[in-house]
Amino acid sequence: MKNSEVIRGLCNAMANTFYPDDETINTMCFNEGVDATAEATPKDVRNFRLALSLVVGYVEGSRSENGVSTSVFSERIKQSISYWCGIYGLDADEELSDFVRVIEDGSHLW
């Protein structure tokens, strides 16, 4: 598998039905010095952290295109992120800043 495929798969695993586009993944990889087309290694923490940043960055309080709706599943997304951090041997509290640790439903803001 390529790094980009692993990142996309992890995004979907953490937030079901979330598939970031190729350009977004490639940009994230480029910025972090990761070759998106290179063969991935199992449990590569860099790939996981890239996927995590995409999930957190795309979480929205509404069902707009390409967003992850938190209107019903905000607690499940947090649980999923914590679960996957454990799989990769990371502490979810350390991986998520105070700003993004609270995923809020912003639907009422529209």
PDB file of N, CA and C in Angstrom:
ATOM      1  N   MET A   1       0.828  -1.183   0.000  1.00  0.00           N
ATOM      2  CA  MET A   1       0.000   0.000   0.000  1.00  0.00           C
ATOM      3  C   MET A   1       0.869   1.242   0.000  1.00  0.00           C
ATOM      4  N   LYS A   2       0.365   2.270  -0.633  1.00  0.00           N
ATOM      5  CA  LYS A   2       1.056   3.554  -0.638  1.00  0.00           C
ATOM      6  C   LYS A   2       0.701   4.332   0.635  1.00  0.00           C
ATOM      7  N   ASN A   3       1.565   5.270   1.003  1.00  0.00           N
ATOM      8  CA  ASN A   3       1.282   6.121   2.155  1.00  0.00           C
ATOM      9  C   ASN A   3      -0.063   6.817   2.012  1.00  0.00           C
ATOM     10  N   SER A   4      -0.364   7.316   0.820  1.00  0.00           N
ATOM     11  CA  SER A   4      -1.636   8.019   0.609  1.00  0.00           C
ATOM     12  C   SER A   4      -2.834   7.108   0.844  1.00  0.00           C
ATOM     13  N   GLU A   5      -2.735   5.850   0.463  1.00  0.00           N
ATOM     14  CA  GLU A   5      -3.828   4.901   0.665  1.00  0.00           C
ATOM     15  C   GLU A   5      -4.035   4.600   2.151  1.00  0.00           C
ATOM     16  N   VAL A   6      -2.935   4.490   2.870  1.00  0.00           N
ATOM     17  CA  VAL A   6      -3.020   4.234   4.309  1.00  0.00           C
ATOM     18  C   VAL A   6      -3.670   5.421   5.008  1.00  0.00           C
ATOM     19  N   ILE A   7      -3.255   6.627   4.639  1.00  0.00           N
ATOM     20  CA  ILE A   7      -3.813   7.830   5.258  1.00  0.00           C
ATOM     21  C   ILE A   7      -5.310   7.919   4.992  1.00  0.00           C
ATOM     22  N   ARG A   8      -5.715   7.683   3.753  1.00  0.00           N
ATOM     23  CA  ARG A   8      -7.141   7.719   3.409  1.00  0.00           C
ATOM     24  C   ARG A   8      -7.907   6.657   4.198  1.00  0.00           C
ATOM     25  N   GLY A   9      -7.345   5.460   4.296  1.00  0.00           N
ATOM     26  CA  GLY A   9      -7.998   4.387   5.048  1.00  0.00           C
ATOM     27  C   GLY A   9      -8.133   4.709   6.523  1.00  0.00           C
ATOM     28  N   LEU A  10      -7.104   5.319   7.094  1.00  0.00           N
ATOM     29  CA  LEU A  10      -7.167   5.699   8.507  1.00  0.00           C
ATOM     30  C   LEU A  10      -8.208   6.787   8.741  1.00  0.00           C
ATOM     31  N   CYS A  11      -8.302   7.727   7.810  1.00  0.00           N
ATOM     32  CA  CYS A  11      -9.339   8.767   7.928  1.00  0.00           C
ATOM     33  C   CYS A  11     -10.712   8.124   7.973  1.00  0.00           C
ATOM     34  N   ASN A  12     -10.945   7.169   7.088  1.00  0.00           N
ATOM     35  CA  ASN A  12     -12.235   6.486   7.050  1.00  0.00           C
ATOM     36  C   ASN A  12     -12.445   5.652   8.307  1.00  0.00           C
ATOM     37  N   ALA A  13     -11.385   5.040   8.819  1.00  0.00           N
ATOM     38  CA  ALA A  13     -11.517   4.229  10.027  1.00  0.00           C
ATOM     39  C   ALA A  13     -11.872   5.091  11.241  1.00  0.00           C
ATOM     40  N   MET A  14     -11.283   6.271  11.339  1.00  0.00           N
ATOM     41  CA  MET A  14     -11.549   7.153  12.481  1.00  0.00           C
ATOM     42  C   MET A  14     -12.898   7.838  12.373  1.00  0.00           C
ATOM     43  N   ALA A  15     -13.264   8.242  11.168  1.00  0.00           N
ATOM     44  CA  ALA A  15     -14.529   8.953  10.954  1.00  0.00           C
ATOM     45  C   ALA A  15     -15.200   8.342   9.731  1.00  0.00           C
ATOM     46  N   ASN A  16     -16.023   7.352   9.959  1.00  0.00           N
ATOM     47  CA  ASN A  16     -16.652   6.589   8.886  1.00  0.00           C
ATOM     48  C   ASN A  16     -17.221   7.490   7.795  1.00  0.00           C
ATOM     49  N   THR A  17     -16.983   7.112   6.568  1.00  0.00           N
ATOM     50  CA  THR A  17     -17.404   7.786   5.332  1.00  0.00           C
ATOM     51  C   THR A  17     -16.607   9.043   5.024  1.00  0.00           C
ATOM     52  N   PHE A  18     -15.505   9.289   5.719  1.00  0.00           N
ATOM     53  CA  PHE A  18     -14.671  10.454   5.415  1.00  0.00           C
ATOM     54  C   PHE A  18     -13.494   9.996   4.560  1.00  0.00           C
ATOM     55  N   TYR A  19     -13.452  10.477   3.310  1.00  0.00           N
ATOM     56  CA  TYR A  19     -12.394  10.148   2.368  1.00  0.00           C
ATOM     57  C   TYR A  19     -11.806  11.446   1.827  1.00  0.00           C
ATOM     58  N   PRO A  20     -10.698  11.916   2.377  1.00  0.00           N
ATOM     59  CA  PRO A  20     -10.108  13.152   1.841  1.00  0.00           C
ATOM     60  C   PRO A  20      -9.631  12.936   0.401  1.00  0.00           C
ATOM     61  N   ASP A  21      -9.650  13.998  -0.392  1.00  0.00           N
ATOM     62  CA  ASP A  21      -9.244  13.874  -1.790  1.00  0.00           C
ATOM     63  C   ASP A  21      -7.721  13.762  -1.903  1.00  0.00           C
ATOM     64  N   ASP A  22      -7.272  13.308  -3.076  1.00  0.00           N
ATOM     65  CA  ASP A  22      -5.842  13.073  -3.311  1.00  0.00           C
ATOM     66  C   ASP A  22      -5.001  14.327  -3.121  1.00  0.00           C
ATOM     67  N   GLU A  23      -5.494  15.458  -3.598  1.00  0.00           N
ATOM     68  CA  GLU A  23      -4.720  16.694  -3.505  1.00  0.00           C
ATOM     69  C   GLU A  23      -4.474  17.081  -2.053  1.00  0.00           C
ATOM     70  N   THR A  24      -5.480  16.897  -1.216  1.00  0.00           N
ATOM     71  CA  THR A  24      -5.338  17.212   0.203  1.00  0.00           C
ATOM     72  C   THR A  24      -4.307  16.302   0.857  1.00  0.00           C
ATOM     73  N   ILE A  25      -4.411  15.019   0.595  1.00  0.00           N
ATOM     74  CA  ILE A  25      -3.451  14.074   1.167  1.00  0.00           C
ATOM     75  C   ILE A  25      -2.049  14.360   0.656  1.00  0.00           C
ATOM     76  N   ASN A  26      -1.908  14.610  -0.640  1.00  0.00           N
ATOM     77  CA  ASN A  26      -0.595  14.892  -1.207  1.00  0.00           C
ATOM     78  C   ASN A  26       0.012  16.155  -0.611  1.00  0.00           C
ATOM     79  N   THR A  27      -0.803  17.169  -0.388  1.00  0.00           N
ATOM     80  CA  THR A  27      -0.310  18.407   0.214  1.00  0.00           C
ATOM     81  C   THR A  27       0.157  18.164   1.642  1.00  0.00           C
ATOM     82  N   MET A  28      -0.626  17.419   2.405  1.00  0.00           N
ATOM     83  CA  MET A  28      -0.241  17.100   3.781  1.00  0.00           C
ATOM     84  C   MET A  28       1.063  16.314   3.802  1.00  0.00           C
ATOM     85  N   CYS A  29       1.179  15.339   2.928  1.00  0.00           N
ATOM     86  CA  CYS A  29       2.407  14.541   2.863  1.00  0.00           C
ATOM     87  C   CYS A  29       3.596  15.423   2.485  1.00  0.00           C
ATOM     88  N   PHE A  30       3.424  16.257   1.471  1.00  0.00           N
ATOM     89  CA  PHE A  30       4.491  17.154   1.029  1.00  0.00           C
ATOM     90  C   PHE A  30       4.964  18.039   2.179  1.00  0.00           C
ATOM     91  N   ASN A  31       4.017  18.626   2.895  1.00  0.00           N
ATOM     92  CA  ASN A  31       4.370  19.518   4.000  1.00  0.00           C
ATOM     93  C   ASN A  31       5.115  18.810   5.127  1.00  0.00           C
ATOM     94  N   GLU A  32       4.875  17.522   5.275  1.00  0.00           N
ATOM     95  CA  GLU A  32       5.535  16.754   6.340  1.00  0.00           C
ATOM     96  C   GLU A  32       6.740  15.960   5.836  1.00  0.00           C
ATOM     97  N   GLY A  33       7.062  16.104   4.565  1.00  0.00           N
ATOM     98  CA  GLY A  33       8.215  15.394   4.019  1.00  0.00           C
ATOM     99  C   GLY A  33       7.987  13.903   3.821  1.00  0.00           C
ATOM    100  N   VAL A  34       6.729  13.519   3.625  1.00  0.00           N
ATOM    101  CA  VAL A  34       6.369  12.126   3.406  1.00  0.00           C
ATOM    102  C   VAL A  34       6.064  11.944   1.926  1.00  0.00           C
ATOM    103  N   ASP A  35       6.641  10.910   1.313  1.00  0.00           N
ATOM    104  CA  ASP A  35       6.362  10.602  -0.088  1.00  0.00           C
ATOM    105  C   ASP A  35       5.023   9.870  -0.160  1.00  0.00           C
ATOM    106  N   ALA A  36       4.014  10.527  -0.702  1.00  0.00           N
ATOM    107  CA  ALA A  36       2.665   9.962  -0.764  1.00  0.00           C
ATOM    108  C   ALA A  36       2.611   8.686  -1.591  1.00  0.00           C
ATOM    109  N   THR A  37       3.510   8.538  -2.569  1.00  0.00           N
ATOM    110  CA  THR A  37       3.469   7.381  -3.459  1.00  0.00           C
ATOM    111  C   THR A  37       4.387   6.249  -3.016  1.00  0.00           C
ATOM    112  N   ALA A  38       5.133   6.462  -1.951  1.00  0.00           N
ATOM    113  CA  ALA A  38       6.044   5.421  -1.453  1.00  0.00           C
ATOM    114  C   ALA A  38       5.267   4.337  -0.726  1.00  0.00           C
ATOM    115  N   GLU A  39       5.866   3.159  -0.664  1.00  0.00           N
ATOM    116  CA  GLU A  39       5.251   2.058   0.072  1.00  0.00           C
ATOM    117  C   GLU A  39       5.204   2.398   1.553  1.00  0.00           C
ATOM    118  N   ALA A  40       4.057   2.176   2.146  1.00  0.00           N
ATOM    119  CA  ALA A  40       3.877   2.448   3.570  1.00  0.00           C
ATOM    120  C   ALA A  40       4.465   1.315   4.398  1.00  0.00           C
ATOM    121  N   THR A  41       4.801   1.653   5.621  1.00  0.00           N
ATOM    122  CA  THR A  41       5.232   0.630   6.576  1.00  0.00           C
ATOM    123  C   THR A  41       4.135   0.473   7.618  1.00  0.00           C
ATOM    124  N   PRO A  42       3.962  -0.732   8.143  1.00  0.00           N
ATOM    125  CA  PRO A  42       2.893  -0.955   9.123  1.00  0.00           C
ATOM    126  C   PRO A  42       3.032  -0.048  10.349  1.00  0.00           C
ATOM    127  N   LYS A  43       1.916   0.474  10.799  1.00  0.00           N
ATOM    128  CA  LYS A  43       1.820   1.316  11.988  1.00  0.00           C
ATOM    129  C   LYS A  43       2.797   2.489  11.979  1.00  0.00           C
ATOM    130  N   ASP A  44       2.934   3.116  10.823  1.00  0.00           N
ATOM    131  CA  ASP A  44       3.778   4.304  10.702  1.00  0.00           C
ATOM    132  C   ASP A  44       3.080   5.467  11.409  1.00  0.00           C
ATOM    133  N   VAL A  45       3.675   5.951  12.481  1.00  0.00           N
ATOM    134  CA  VAL A  45       3.071   7.000  13.295  1.00  0.00           C
ATOM    135  C   VAL A  45       2.902   8.293  12.504  1.00  0.00           C
ATOM    136  N   ARG A  46       3.825   8.575  11.579  1.00  0.00           N
ATOM    137  CA  ARG A  46       3.682   9.798  10.768  1.00  0.00           C
ATOM    138  C   ARG A  46       2.411   9.751   9.941  1.00  0.00           C
ATOM    139  N   ASN A  47       2.130   8.615   9.310  1.00  0.00           N
ATOM    140  CA  ASN A  47       0.892   8.480   8.532  1.00  0.00           C
ATOM    141  C   ASN A  47      -0.332   8.635   9.428  1.00  0.00           C
ATOM    142  N   PHE A  48      -0.275   8.042  10.602  1.00  0.00           N
ATOM    143  CA  PHE A  48      -1.408   8.158  11.519  1.00  0.00           C
ATOM    144  C   PHE A  48      -1.636   9.612  11.921  1.00  0.00           C
ATOM    145  N   ARG A  49      -0.571  10.312  12.247  1.00  0.00           N
ATOM    146  CA  ARG A  49      -0.723  11.712  12.661  1.00  0.00           C
ATOM    147  C   ARG A  49      -1.241  12.585  11.513  1.00  0.00           C
ATOM    148  N   LEU A  50      -0.844  12.272  10.290  1.00  0.00           N
ATOM    149  CA  LEU A  50      -1.389  13.007   9.147  1.00  0.00           C
ATOM    150  C   LEU A  50      -2.884  12.745   9.008  1.00  0.00           C
ATOM    151  N   ALA A  51      -3.292  11.492   9.133  1.00  0.00           N
ATOM    152  CA  ALA A  51      -4.718  11.164   9.052  1.00  0.00           C
ATOM    153  C   ALA A  51      -5.490  11.830  10.186  1.00  0.00           C
ATOM    154  N   LEU A  52      -4.926  11.803  11.377  1.00  0.00           N
ATOM    155  CA  LEU A  52      -5.589  12.424  12.513  1.00  0.00           C
ATOM    156  C   LEU A  52      -5.783  13.920  12.300  1.00  0.00           C
ATOM    157  N   SER A  53      -4.769  14.570  11.765  1.00  0.00           N
ATOM    158  CA  SER A  53      -4.905  16.010  11.525  1.00  0.00           C
ATOM    159  C   SER A  53      -5.961  16.296  10.462  1.00  0.00           C
ATOM    160  N   LEU A  54      -6.081  15.420   9.469  1.00  0.00           N
ATOM    161  CA  LEU A  54      -7.133  15.590   8.460  1.00  0.00           C
ATOM    162  C   LEU A  54      -8.522  15.408   9.063  1.00  0.00           C
ATOM    163  N   VAL A  55      -8.688  14.386   9.888  1.00  0.00           N
ATOM    164  CA  VAL A  55      -9.986  14.149  10.518  1.00  0.00           C
ATOM    165  C   VAL A  55     -10.372  15.344  11.379  1.00  0.00           C
ATOM    166  N   VAL A  56      -9.474  15.796  12.213  1.00  0.00           N
ATOM    167  CA  VAL A  56      -9.765  16.924  13.093  1.00  0.00           C
ATOM    168  C   VAL A  56     -10.030  18.179  12.275  1.00  0.00           C
ATOM    169  N   GLY A  57      -9.279  18.384  11.214  1.00  0.00           N
ATOM    170  CA  GLY A  57      -9.443  19.564  10.380  1.00  0.00           C
ATOM    171  C   GLY A  57     -10.732  19.587   9.593  1.00  0.00           C
ATOM    172  N   TYR A  58     -11.279  18.425   9.283  1.00  0.00           N
ATOM    173  CA  TYR A  58     -12.483  18.361   8.462  1.00  0.00           C
ATOM    174  C   TYR A  58     -13.765  18.178   9.252  1.00  0.00           C
ATOM    175  N   VAL A  59     -13.653  17.971  10.551  1.00  0.00           N
ATOM    176  CA  VAL A  59     -14.864  17.797  11.346  1.00  0.00           C
ATOM    177  C   VAL A  59     -15.663  19.082  11.322  1.00  0.00           C
ATOM    178  N   GLU A  60     -16.927  18.953  11.002  1.00  0.00           N
ATOM    179  CA  GLU A  60     -17.843  20.089  10.947  1.00  0.00           C
ATOM    180  C   GLU A  60     -19.103  19.747  11.709  1.00  0.00           C
ATOM    181  N   GLY A  61     -19.866  20.756  12.016  1.00  0.00           N
ATOM    182  CA  GLY A  61     -21.113  20.531  12.721  1.00  0.00           C
ATOM    183  C   GLY A  61     -22.302  20.368  11.796  1.00  0.00           C
ATOM    184  N   SER A  62     -22.067  20.369  10.509  1.00  0.00           N
ATOM    185  CA  SER A  62     -23.170  20.217   9.565  1.00  0.00           C
ATOM    186  C   SER A  62     -22.811  19.143   8.554  1.00  0.00           C
ATOM    187  N   ARG A  63     -23.740  18.831   7.678  1.00  0.00           N
ATOM    188  CA  ARG A  63     -23.499  17.794   6.676  1.00  0.00           C
ATOM    189  C   ARG A  63     -23.100  18.397   5.334  1.00  0.00           C
ATOM    190  N   SER A  64     -22.186  19.342   5.359  1.00  0.00           N
ATOM    191  CA  SER A  64     -21.736  19.927   4.106  1.00  0.00           C
ATOM    192  C   SER A  64     -20.808  18.953   3.391  1.00  0.00           C
ATOM    193  N   GLU A  65     -20.602  19.170   2.123  1.00  0.00           N
ATOM    194  CA  GLU A  65     -19.796  18.278   1.298  1.00  0.00           C
ATOM    195  C   GLU A  65     -18.394  18.120   1.866  1.00  0.00           C
ATOM    196  N   ASN A  66     -17.913  16.899   1.938  1.00  0.00           N
ATOM    197  CA  ASN A  66     -16.588  16.527   2.419  1.00  0.00           C
ATOM    198  C   ASN A  66     -16.389  16.722   3.911  1.00  0.00           C
ATOM    199  N   GLY A  67     -17.406  17.108   4.644  1.00  0.00           N
ATOM    200  CA  GLY A  67     -17.265  17.283   6.084  1.00  0.00           C
ATOM    201  C   GLY A  67     -17.680  16.037   6.830  1.00  0.00           C
ATOM    202  N   VAL A  68     -17.262  15.942   8.060  1.00  0.00           N
ATOM    203  CA  VAL A  68     -17.663  14.853   8.933  1.00  0.00           C
ATOM    204  C   VAL A  68     -18.716  15.410   9.863  1.00  0.00           C
ATOM    205  N   SER A  69     -19.933  14.943   9.753  1.00  0.00           N
ATOM    206  CA  SER A  69     -21.001  15.467  10.589  1.00  0.00           C
ATOM    207  C   SER A  69     -20.834  14.992  12.017  1.00  0.00           C
ATOM    208  N   THR A  70     -20.934  15.927  12.954  1.00  0.00           N
ATOM    209  CA  THR A  70     -20.895  15.565  14.364  1.00  0.00           C
ATOM    210  C   THR A  70     -22.264  15.734  15.009  1.00  0.00           C
ATOM    211  N   SER A  71     -23.277  15.977  14.202  1.00  0.00           N
ATOM    212  CA  SER A  71     -24.597  16.247  14.774  1.00  0.00           C
ATOM    213  C   SER A  71     -25.116  15.078  15.601  1.00  0.00           C
ATOM    214  N   VAL A  72     -24.746  13.871  15.260  1.00  0.00           N
ATOM    215  CA  VAL A  72     -25.206  12.703  15.992  1.00  0.00           C
ATOM    216  C   VAL A  72     -24.051  11.943  16.623  1.00  0.00           C
ATOM    217  N   PHE A  73     -22.899  11.939  15.987  1.00  0.00           N
ATOM    218  CA  PHE A  73     -21.841  11.023  16.375  1.00  0.00           C
ATOM    219  C   PHE A  73     -20.600  11.670  16.993  1.00  0.00           C
ATOM    220  N   SER A  74     -20.691  12.875  17.550  1.00  0.00           N
ATOM    221  CA  SER A  74     -19.482  13.532  18.053  1.00  0.00           C
ATOM    222  C   SER A  74     -18.760  12.689  19.097  1.00  0.00           C
ATOM    223  N   GLU A  75     -19.498  12.074  19.995  1.00  0.00           N
ATOM    224  CA  GLU A  75     -18.865  11.251  21.027  1.00  0.00           C
ATOM    225  C   GLU A  75     -18.219  10.017  20.408  1.00  0.00           C
ATOM    226  N   ARG A  76     -18.846   9.470  19.391  1.00  0.00           N
ATOM    227  CA  ARG A  76     -18.284   8.287  18.724  1.00  0.00           C
ATOM    228  C   ARG A  76     -16.995   8.634  17.971  1.00  0.00           C
ATOM    229  N   ILE A  77     -16.940   9.820  17.394  1.00  0.00           N
ATOM    230  CA  ILE A  77     -15.706  10.232  16.711  1.00  0.00           C
ATOM    231  C   ILE A  77     -14.572  10.350  17.726  1.00  0.00           C
ATOM    232  N   LYS A  78     -14.851  10.960  18.874  1.00  0.00           N
ATOM    233  CA  LYS A  78     -13.836  11.078  19.928  1.00  0.00           C
ATOM    234  C   LYS A  78     -13.388   9.701  20.394  1.00  0.00           C
ATOM    235  N   GLN A  79     -14.340   8.788  20.580  1.00  0.00           N
ATOM    236  CA  GLN A  79     -13.998   7.431  21.006  1.00  0.00           C
ATOM    237  C   GLN A  79     -13.159   6.720  19.950  1.00  0.00           C
ATOM    238  N   SER A  80     -13.512   6.927  18.704  1.00  0.00           N
ATOM    239  CA  SER A  80     -12.766   6.308  17.614  1.00  0.00           C
ATOM    240  C   SER A  80     -11.330   6.823  17.562  1.00  0.00           C
ATOM    241  N   ILE A  81     -11.172   8.137  17.706  1.00  0.00           N
ATOM    242  CA  ILE A  81      -9.830   8.722  17.708  1.00  0.00           C
ATOM    243  C   ILE A  81      -9.015   8.146  18.857  1.00  0.00           C
ATOM    244  N   SER A  82      -9.607   8.042  20.036  1.00  0.00           N
ATOM    245  CA  SER A  82      -8.908   7.472  21.196  1.00  0.00           C
ATOM    246  C   SER A  82      -8.528   6.013  20.933  1.00  0.00           C
ATOM    247  N   TYR A  83      -9.453   5.265  20.350  1.00  0.00           N
ATOM    248  CA  TYR A  83      -9.183   3.866  20.030  1.00  0.00           C
ATOM    249  C   TYR A  83      -7.985   3.740  19.094  1.00  0.00           C
ATOM    250  N   TRP A  84      -7.993   4.523  18.012  1.00  0.00           N
ATOM    251  CA  TRP A  84      -6.918   4.416  17.029  1.00  0.00           C
ATOM    252  C   TRP A  84      -5.592   4.935  17.570  1.00  0.00           C
ATOM    253  N   CYS A  85      -5.641   5.916  18.443  1.00  0.00           N
ATOM    254  CA  CYS A  85      -4.399   6.350  19.103  1.00  0.00           C
ATOM    255  C   CYS A  85      -3.804   5.179  19.879  1.00  0.00           C
ATOM    256  N   GLY A  86      -4.661   4.416  20.562  1.00  0.00           N
ATOM    257  CA  GLY A  86      -4.200   3.246  21.304  1.00  0.00           C
ATOM    258  C   GLY A  86      -3.576   2.195  20.401  1.00  0.00           C
ATOM    259  N   ILE A  87      -4.167   1.980  19.246  1.00  0.00           N
ATOM    260  CA  ILE A  87      -3.623   1.002  18.285  1.00  0.00           C
ATOM    261  C   ILE A  87      -2.201   1.394  17.879  1.00  0.00           C
ATOM    262  N   TYR A  88      -1.967   2.694  17.743  1.00  0.00           N
ATOM    263  CA  TYR A  88      -0.662   3.186  17.320  1.00  0.00           C
ATOM    264  C   TYR A  88       0.257   3.493  18.498  1.00  0.00           C
ATOM    265  N   GLY A  89      -0.168   3.134  19.702  1.00  0.00           N
ATOM    266  CA  GLY A  89       0.658   3.324  20.881  1.00  0.00           C
ATOM    267  C   GLY A  89       0.818   4.777  21.292  1.00  0.00           C
ATOM    268  N   LEU A  90      -0.191   5.596  20.993  1.00  0.00           N
ATOM    269  CA  LEU A  90      -0.134   7.025  21.309  1.00  0.00           C
ATOM    270  C   LEU A  90      -1.214   7.379  22.322  1.00  0.00           C
ATOM    271  N   ASP A  91      -0.960   8.419  23.071  1.00  0.00           N
ATOM    272  CA  ASP A  91      -1.930   8.925  24.042  1.00  0.00           C
ATOM    273  C   ASP A  91      -2.782   9.988  23.351  1.00  0.00           C
ATOM    274  N   ALA A  92      -4.094   9.759  23.295  1.00  0.00           N
ATOM    275  CA  ALA A  92      -4.990  10.681  22.598  1.00  0.00           C
ATOM    276  C   ALA A  92      -4.913  12.080  23.184  1.00  0.00           C
ATOM    277  N   ASP A  93      -4.792  12.199  24.497  1.00  0.00           N
ATOM    278  CA  ASP A  93      -4.701  13.515  25.124  1.00  0.00           C
ATOM    279  C   ASP A  93      -3.453  14.266  24.682  1.00  0.00           C
ATOM    280  N   GLU A  94      -2.374  13.539  24.478  1.00  0.00           N
ATOM    281  CA  GLU A  94      -1.143  14.175  24.013  1.00  0.00           C
ATOM    282  C   GLU A  94      -1.213  14.528  22.537  1.00  0.00           C
ATOM    283  N   GLU A  95      -1.928  13.736  21.757  1.00  0.00           N
ATOM    284  CA  GLU A  95      -2.011  13.962  20.316  1.00  0.00           C
ATOM    285  C   GLU A  95      -2.951  15.109  19.952  1.00  0.00           C
ATOM    286  N   LEU A  96      -3.954  15.328  20.779  1.00  0.00           N
ATOM    287  CA  LEU A  96      -4.934  16.364  20.494  1.00  0.00           C
ATOM    288  C   LEU A  96      -4.722  17.545  21.430  1.00  0.00           C
ATOM    289  N   SER A  97      -4.662  18.719  20.872  1.00  0.00           N
ATOM    290  CA  SER A  97      -4.523  19.919  21.689  1.00  0.00           C
ATOM    291  C   SER A  97      -5.843  20.214  22.382  1.00  0.00           C
ATOM    292  N   ASP A  98      -5.826  21.121  23.351  1.00  0.00           N
ATOM    293  CA  ASP A  98      -7.053  21.510  24.038  1.00  0.00           C
ATOM    294  C   ASP A  98      -8.078  22.063  23.061  1.00  0.00           C
ATOM    295  N   PHE A  99      -7.613  22.733  22.027  1.00  0.00           N
ATOM    296  CA  PHE A  99      -8.515  23.355  21.058  1.00  0.00           C
ATOM    297  C   PHE A  99      -9.351  22.323  20.312  1.00  0.00           C
ATOM    298  N   VAL A 100      -8.731  21.224  19.896  1.00  0.00           N
ATOM    299  CA  VAL A 100      -9.449  20.242  19.093  1.00  0.00           C
ATOM    300  C   VAL A 100      -9.948  19.059  19.902  1.00  0.00           C
ATOM    301  N   ARG A 101      -9.630  18.970  21.166  1.00  0.00           N
ATOM    302  CA  ARG A 101     -10.086  17.851  21.966  1.00  0.00           C
ATOM    303  C   ARG A 101     -11.608  17.876  22.109  1.00  0.00           C
ATOM    304  N   VAL A 102     -12.197  19.062  22.085  1.00  0.00           N
ATOM    305  CA  VAL A 102     -13.642  19.198  22.186  1.00  0.00           C
ATOM    306  C   VAL A 102     -14.197  19.392  20.777  1.00  0.00           C
ATOM    307  N   ILE A 103     -14.901  18.402  20.290  1.00  0.00           N
ATOM    308  CA  ILE A 103     -15.523  18.479  18.976  1.00  0.00           C
ATOM    309  C   ILE A 103     -16.963  18.897  19.214  1.00  0.00           C
ATOM    310  N   GLU A 104     -17.330  20.065  18.726  1.00  0.00           N
ATOM    311  CA  GLU A 104     -18.647  20.603  18.995  1.00  0.00           C
ATOM    312  C   GLU A 104     -19.547  20.523  17.769  1.00  0.00           C
ATOM    313  N   ASP A 105     -20.824  20.450  18.032  1.00  0.00           N
ATOM    314  CA  ASP A 105     -21.819  20.478  16.972  1.00  0.00           C
ATOM    315  C   ASP A 105     -22.118  21.934  16.664  1.00  0.00           C
ATOM    316  N   GLY A 106     -21.741  22.379  15.485  1.00  0.00           N
ATOM    317  CA  GLY A 106     -21.919  23.773  15.109  1.00  0.00           C
ATOM    318  C   GLY A 106     -23.174  24.038  14.301  1.00  0.00           C
ATOM    319  N   SER A 107     -24.076  23.060  14.214  1.00  0.00           N
ATOM    320  CA  SER A 107     -25.288  23.230  13.405  1.00  0.00           C
ATOM    321  C   SER A 107     -26.104  24.447  13.829  1.00  0.00           C
ATOM    322  N   HIS A 108     -26.106  24.745  15.109  1.00  0.00           N
ATOM    323  CA  HIS A 108     -26.906  25.862  15.601  1.00  0.00           C
ATOM    324  C   HIS A 108     -26.327  27.212  15.176  1.00  0.00           C
ATOM    325  N   LEU A 109     -25.135  27.224  14.629  1.00  0.00           N
ATOM    326  CA  LEU A 109     -24.497  28.470  14.221  1.00  0.00           C
ATOM    327  C   LEU A 109     -24.950  28.929  12.839  1.00  0.00           C
ATOM    328  N   TRP A 110     -25.654  28.086  12.103  1.00  0.00           N
ATOM    329  CA  TRP A 110     -26.042  28.437  10.724  1.00  0.00           C
ATOM    330  C   TRP A 110     -27.245  29.309  10.718  1.00  0.00           C
TER     331      TRP A 110
END
